[in-house]
């Protein structure tokens, strides 16, 4: 089969090569990959991966061989799959624990956005507890996870505040459910009960300062690429700053993701959740689409596999 593999001799750190077909164990099903949606973390990790690694956390496709032990998805089903690598290939091994089952007739291109972006937003929002009637800040609202988080928080009854530094993106965030759009946590008029942070760095520290008593900040992403620094007094609990918490998050440590991915796939397929797909391109264009100097789009870029 063909797969994109890490190649440190290439300017893009990637090469499209013939590699052996995956050999399933008794608990593995084989998926013919139809589409994958690279994540910021996938691309950032390329320099640290050994040559020959097939990168990619999430992909969607059709089950072409069932697991011999009877577990996992059935033959012919469209599935969204999640794993720490192996997605950028024509075939991928999956287990019952690593897939969401899409509805009949679901488009694999759209389903490819479910595993990392949509599932991270859902699990991160749950860390905040009940948000009905509460103000929630989505810090980095135009990231793919942020766009899903805005929708899910609004559907959960939250008063959603989203950040973006691009005024042109304001209308899109409002369309997805944001009640207010600001440029920075420093612009908040009132405190918030919860924060989903996709940026990190000084943005995280400023957002933490605007948490109401008992509020929680979930560090979902680190797109800013900067250090988080707290000054003396920033973590004091007096003057109405008590019981605030900061929670780190790693999707790979989350358990029982299959039902959540299945639910998200259904919500997207039936039109109740916008898949935030910004572009669909052939997978052979991967290095050009995500190469140095290319602009970031608001939403996911999906690559289709022939």
Protein backbone atom coordinates (compact mmCIF):
# COMPACT_ATOMS: atom_id res chain seq x y z
CA UNK A 1 0.00 0.00 0.00
CA UNK A 2 0.97 3.67 -0.24
CA UNK A 3 1.55 5.79 2.85
CA UNK A 4 3.05 9.09 3.81
CA UNK A 5 6.12 8.33 5.92
CA UNK A 6 8.53 10.50 7.84
CA UNK A 7 11.65 11.25 5.79
CA UNK A 8 14.13 13.68 7.33
CA UNK A 9 15.96 14.06 3.99
CA UNK A 10 12.87 15.70 2.47
CA UNK A 11 12.19 19.44 2.90
CA UNK A 12 8.65 18.58 4.01
CA UNK A 13 9.90 15.75 6.30
CA UNK A 14 7.51 13.46 4.39
CA UNK A 15 7.67 11.01 1.50
CA UNK A 16 4.86 9.06 -0.19
CA UNK A 17 6.11 5.47 -0.43
CA UNK A 18 5.08 1.87 -0.84
CA UNK A 19 5.04 0.16 2.56
CA UNK A 20 3.88 -3.31 3.65
CA UNK A 21 0.19 -3.78 4.22
CA UNK A 22 -0.69 -3.82 7.94
CA UNK A 23 -0.87 -7.30 9.48
CA UNK A 24 -3.89 -7.55 11.80
CA UNK A 25 -3.87 -9.36 15.10
CA UNK A 26 -6.99 -11.16 16.35
CA UNK A 27 -8.39 -7.93 17.88
CA UNK A 28 -7.73 -5.74 14.81
CA UNK A 29 -10.04 -4.81 11.97
CA UNK A 30 -8.67 -3.38 8.71
CA UNK A 31 -9.98 -0.04 7.44
CA UNK A 32 -9.53 1.21 3.91
CA UNK A 33 -8.77 4.85 4.60
CA UNK A 34 -10.83 7.28 2.54
CA UNK A 35 -9.89 10.54 4.22
CA UNK A 36 -7.82 12.04 7.03
CA UNK A 37 -7.64 15.51 8.55
CA UNK A 38 -4.16 16.42 9.83
CA UNK A 39 -3.94 18.15 13.19
CA UNK A 40 -1.57 20.85 14.35
CA UNK A 41 0.01 18.34 16.73
CA UNK A 42 0.58 15.82 13.93
CA UNK A 43 2.58 18.35 11.95
CA UNK A 44 4.49 19.67 14.96
CA UNK A 45 5.63 16.16 15.90
CA UNK A 46 7.19 15.27 12.51
CA UNK A 47 10.76 16.39 13.37
CA UNK A 48 10.83 14.10 16.43
CA UNK A 49 9.54 10.95 14.69
CA UNK A 50 11.90 8.29 13.27
CA UNK A 51 12.21 7.87 9.50
CA UNK A 52 9.62 5.47 8.16
CA UNK A 53 6.94 6.34 10.72
CA UNK A 54 3.43 6.69 9.30
CA UNK A 55 2.03 9.75 11.12
CA UNK A 56 -1.53 10.80 11.82
CA UNK A 57 -3.97 10.40 14.67
CA UNK A 58 -7.31 10.38 12.90
CA UNK A 59 -8.80 8.98 9.71
CA UNK A 60 -12.10 7.73 8.36
CA UNK A 61 -12.81 4.89 5.99
CA UNK A 62 -14.54 1.60 5.24
CA UNK A 63 -14.02 -1.64 7.17
CA UNK A 64 -12.66 -4.20 4.69
CA UNK A 65 -11.78 -6.96 7.18
CA UNK A 66 -13.29 -7.71 10.58
CA UNK A 67 -11.31 -8.67 13.68
CA UNK A 68 -11.03 -12.45 13.91
CA UNK A 69 -12.04 -12.44 17.59
CA UNK A 70 -15.44 -11.00 16.68
CA UNK A 71 -14.89 -7.58 18.25
CA UNK A 72 -14.87 -4.21 16.58
CA UNK A 73 -16.72 -2.75 13.61
CA UNK A 74 -18.51 -4.87 11.04
CA UNK A 75 -17.55 -5.30 7.39
CA UNK A 76 -18.56 -2.40 5.16
CA UNK A 77 -19.21 0.12 7.96
CA UNK A 78 -17.93 3.68 7.73
CA UNK A 79 -15.85 4.43 10.82
CA UNK A 80 -13.89 7.29 12.35
CA UNK A 81 -10.65 5.97 13.81
CA UNK A 82 -8.25 7.32 16.41
CA UNK A 83 -4.70 6.33 17.27
CA UNK A 84 -1.27 7.85 17.88
CA UNK A 85 -0.03 7.09 14.35
CA UNK A 86 -0.75 5.22 11.13
CA UNK A 87 -3.55 7.38 9.72
CA UNK A 88 -1.85 8.79 6.62
CA UNK A 89 -1.99 5.55 4.65
CA UNK A 90 -4.30 3.59 2.36
CA UNK A 91 -5.06 1.08 5.12
CA UNK A 92 -5.11 1.22 8.91
CA UNK A 93 -5.65 -1.26 11.74
CA UNK A 94 -8.36 -0.38 14.27
CA UNK A 95 -9.84 -1.97 17.37
CA UNK A 96 -13.27 -1.82 18.93
CA UNK A 97 -11.94 0.77 21.39
CA UNK A 98 -10.48 3.08 18.71
CA UNK A 99 -13.44 3.71 16.40
CA UNK A 100 -16.70 5.55 16.20
CA UNK A 101 -19.36 3.96 14.02
CA UNK A 102 -20.82 6.38 11.48
CA UNK A 103 -24.43 6.18 10.28
CA UNK A 104 -25.21 4.39 7.04
CA UNK A 105 -24.42 6.63 4.08
CA UNK A 106 -22.09 8.90 6.04
CA UNK A 107 -19.41 10.72 4.06
CA UNK A 108 -15.92 9.58 5.15
CA UNK A 109 -14.52 13.01 4.25
CA UNK A 110 -16.71 14.61 6.90
CA UNK A 111 -16.26 11.78 9.40
CA UNK A 112 -12.49 12.29 9.39
CA UNK A 113 -12.83 15.42 11.55
CA UNK A 114 -14.45 13.55 14.44
CA UNK A 115 -11.64 11.75 16.33
CA UNK A 116 -9.32 14.54 17.48
CA UNK A 117 -11.06 17.88 16.92
CA UNK A 118 -14.66 17.09 17.83
CA UNK A 119 -13.88 14.54 20.54
CA UNK A 120 -11.34 16.81 22.25
CA UNK A 121 -13.93 19.59 22.37
CA UNK A 122 -16.55 17.27 23.83
CA UNK A 123 -14.29 15.77 26.49
CA UNK A 124 -12.80 19.15 27.37
CA UNK A 125 -16.23 20.67 27.84
CA UNK A 126 -17.22 17.85 30.19
CA UNK A 127 -14.27 18.75 32.43
CA UNK A 128 -16.03 22.03 33.15
CA UNK A 129 -19.06 20.27 34.63
CA UNK A 130 -22.60 21.60 34.06
CA UNK A 131 -22.46 24.79 31.99
CA UNK A 132 -26.19 25.52 31.62
CA UNK A 133 -26.67 29.23 32.29
CA UNK A 134 -22.95 29.83 32.86
CA UNK A 135 -20.42 31.93 30.94
CA UNK A 136 -17.78 29.83 29.15
CA UNK A 137 -14.75 31.23 27.34
CA UNK A 138 -13.38 29.37 24.30
CA UNK A 139 -9.85 30.72 23.99
CA UNK A 140 -8.75 30.22 20.38
CA UNK A 141 -12.25 29.99 18.96
CA UNK A 142 -11.22 29.68 15.31
CA UNK A 143 -9.11 26.55 15.81
CA UNK A 144 -10.86 23.35 14.73
CA UNK A 145 -11.31 22.24 18.35
CA UNK A 146 -12.48 25.73 19.24
CA UNK A 147 -15.13 25.75 16.50
CA UNK A 148 -16.53 22.47 17.82
CA UNK A 149 -16.29 23.69 21.42
CA UNK A 150 -18.32 26.81 20.62
CA UNK A 151 -21.10 24.68 19.13
CA UNK A 152 -21.16 22.09 21.90
CA UNK A 153 -21.02 24.65 24.72
CA UNK A 154 -23.86 26.65 23.17
CA UNK A 155 -25.97 23.51 22.77
CA UNK A 156 -25.32 22.72 26.43
CA UNK A 157 -26.89 26.02 27.47
CA UNK A 158 -23.74 28.04 28.10
CA UNK A 159 -23.32 31.72 27.37
CA UNK A 160 -20.33 31.33 25.06
CA UNK A 161 -17.58 33.89 24.68
CA UNK A 162 -15.03 33.11 21.95
CA UNK A 163 -11.73 34.80 21.10
CA UNK A 164 -10.24 35.61 17.72
CA UNK A 165 -7.89 38.31 16.52
CA UNK A 166 -9.45 38.27 13.07
CA UNK A 167 -12.56 40.50 12.86
CA UNK A 168 -13.61 38.66 9.69
CA UNK A 169 -14.10 35.46 11.73
CA UNK A 170 -16.59 37.04 14.12
CA UNK A 171 -19.63 36.25 11.99
CA UNK A 172 -18.64 32.60 11.71
CA UNK A 173 -18.28 32.23 15.49
CA UNK A 174 -21.64 33.89 16.11
CA UNK A 175 -23.21 31.61 13.51
CA UNK A 176 -21.91 28.58 15.43
CA UNK A 177 -23.32 29.80 18.75
CA UNK A 178 -21.00 32.37 20.30
CA UNK A 179 -22.87 35.06 22.24
CA UNK A 180 -19.84 37.36 22.33
CA UNK A 181 -16.57 37.51 20.35
CA UNK A 182 -13.52 39.29 21.76
CA UNK A 183 -9.84 39.57 20.85
CA UNK A 184 -8.33 38.62 24.22
CA UNK A 185 -9.29 37.45 27.74
CA UNK A 186 -8.30 40.93 28.85
CA UNK A 187 -11.38 42.22 27.02
CA UNK A 188 -13.81 40.22 29.18
CA UNK A 189 -16.36 42.47 30.85
CA UNK A 190 -17.42 39.81 33.34
CA UNK A 191 -15.73 36.79 34.83
CA UNK A 192 -16.37 33.34 33.36
CA UNK A 193 -17.17 30.03 35.05
CA UNK A 194 -15.06 27.95 32.67
CA UNK A 195 -12.37 28.25 30.02
CA UNK A 196 -11.43 25.89 27.20
CA UNK A 197 -7.95 27.05 26.18
CA UNK A 198 -6.51 26.14 22.77
CA UNK A 199 -3.67 28.68 22.84
CA UNK A 200 -1.65 28.42 26.05
CA UNK A 201 1.16 30.84 26.81
CA UNK A 202 0.29 34.28 28.21
CA UNK A 203 -3.30 33.84 26.98
CA UNK A 204 -3.77 31.03 29.50
CA UNK A 205 -2.51 33.15 32.40
CA UNK A 206 -4.77 36.06 31.44
CA UNK A 207 -7.79 33.76 31.11
CA UNK A 208 -7.11 32.14 34.49
CA UNK A 209 -7.18 35.60 36.05
CA UNK A 210 -10.75 36.07 34.80
CA UNK A 211 -12.12 32.84 36.30
CA UNK A 212 -14.94 33.21 38.77
CA UNK A 213 -14.69 31.46 42.17
CA UNK A 214 -15.00 27.71 41.65
CA UNK A 215 -14.19 28.03 37.93
CA UNK A 216 -12.05 25.66 35.88
CA UNK A 217 -9.65 26.23 33.00
CA UNK A 218 -8.94 23.21 30.76
CA UNK A 219 -5.67 23.44 28.79
CA UNK A 220 -6.65 21.71 25.54
CA UNK A 221 -4.04 23.14 23.18
CA UNK A 222 -0.83 25.12 22.98
CA UNK A 223 -0.99 26.81 19.58
CA UNK A 224 0.75 29.96 20.84
CA UNK A 225 3.96 27.98 21.40
CA UNK A 226 4.91 30.20 24.35
CA UNK A 227 5.61 29.64 28.02
CA UNK A 228 2.90 29.96 30.65
CA UNK A 229 4.07 32.24 33.46
CA UNK A 230 2.22 33.14 36.64
CA UNK A 231 3.38 36.06 38.72
CA UNK A 232 3.36 36.40 42.47
CA UNK A 233 -0.23 36.54 43.65
CA UNK A 234 -1.80 35.12 40.50
CA UNK A 235 -2.70 31.91 42.33
CA UNK A 236 -3.93 33.54 45.53
CA UNK A 237 -7.38 32.47 46.72
CA UNK A 238 -8.47 35.64 48.47
CA UNK A 239 -10.57 38.53 47.13
CA UNK A 240 -13.05 36.23 45.36
CA UNK A 241 -10.40 34.09 43.67
CA UNK A 242 -10.93 30.91 45.69
CA UNK A 243 -11.36 27.35 44.44
CA UNK A 244 -10.23 28.01 40.86
CA UNK A 245 -8.56 25.09 39.11
CA UNK A 246 -6.42 24.41 36.05
CA UNK A 247 -6.76 21.02 34.34
CA UNK A 248 -4.30 19.68 31.77
CA UNK A 249 -5.69 17.48 29.01
CA UNK A 250 -4.40 14.73 26.71
CA UNK A 251 -6.82 12.95 24.40
CA UNK A 252 -4.60 9.87 24.25
CA UNK A 253 -5.18 9.27 27.97
CA UNK A 254 -8.97 9.43 27.69
CA UNK A 255 -10.85 6.12 27.84
CA UNK A 256 -14.04 4.75 26.26
CA UNK A 257 -14.00 7.21 23.38
CA UNK A 258 -15.90 4.98 20.93
CA UNK A 259 -19.43 5.92 22.07
CA UNK A 260 -18.57 9.62 22.03
CA UNK A 261 -17.14 9.40 18.51
CA UNK A 262 -20.23 7.48 17.38
CA UNK A 263 -22.52 10.16 18.85
CA UNK A 264 -20.52 12.98 17.26
CA UNK A 265 -20.53 11.22 13.89
CA UNK A 266 -24.33 10.95 14.06
CA UNK A 267 -24.78 14.59 15.07
CA UNK A 268 -22.61 15.73 12.15
CA UNK A 269 -24.23 13.38 9.63
CA UNK A 270 -27.73 14.49 10.61
CA UNK A 271 -26.83 18.17 10.41
CA UNK A 272 -27.04 19.09 14.09
CA UNK A 273 -23.31 19.79 14.32
CA UNK A 274 -21.30 21.70 11.72
CA UNK A 275 -18.25 19.63 10.66
CA UNK A 276 -16.17 22.83 10.17
CA UNK A 277 -14.51 21.45 7.02
CA UNK A 278 -12.69 24.35 5.35
CA UNK A 279 -11.25 22.50 2.35
CA UNK A 280 -11.03 19.05 0.77
CA UNK A 281 -7.86 18.20 -1.19
CA UNK A 282 -6.20 15.06 -2.65
CA UNK A 283 -3.82 13.40 -0.21
CA UNK A 284 -0.90 13.68 -2.63
CA UNK A 285 -0.99 17.44 -1.98
CA UNK A 286 -0.24 17.00 1.74
CA UNK A 287 3.20 18.70 1.74
CA UNK A 288 1.90 21.64 -0.31
CA UNK A 289 -1.24 22.12 1.77
CA UNK A 290 0.61 22.23 5.08
CA UNK A 291 4.04 23.43 3.97
CA UNK A 292 5.92 26.34 5.48
CA UNK A 293 4.42 29.68 4.56
CA UNK A 294 0.90 28.40 3.87
CA UNK A 295 -1.85 30.20 5.72
CA UNK A 296 -4.01 28.51 8.34
CA UNK A 297 -7.67 28.07 7.49
CA UNK A 298 -10.54 28.37 9.94
CA UNK A 299 -11.62 24.76 10.13
CA UNK A 300 -10.28 21.39 9.08
CA UNK A 301 -8.52 20.61 5.81
CA UNK A 302 -9.48 17.10 4.77
CA UNK A 303 -7.26 15.01 2.47
CA UNK A 304 -8.93 12.31 0.39
CA UNK A 305 -7.15 9.01 -0.29
CA UNK A 306 -7.55 7.26 -3.63
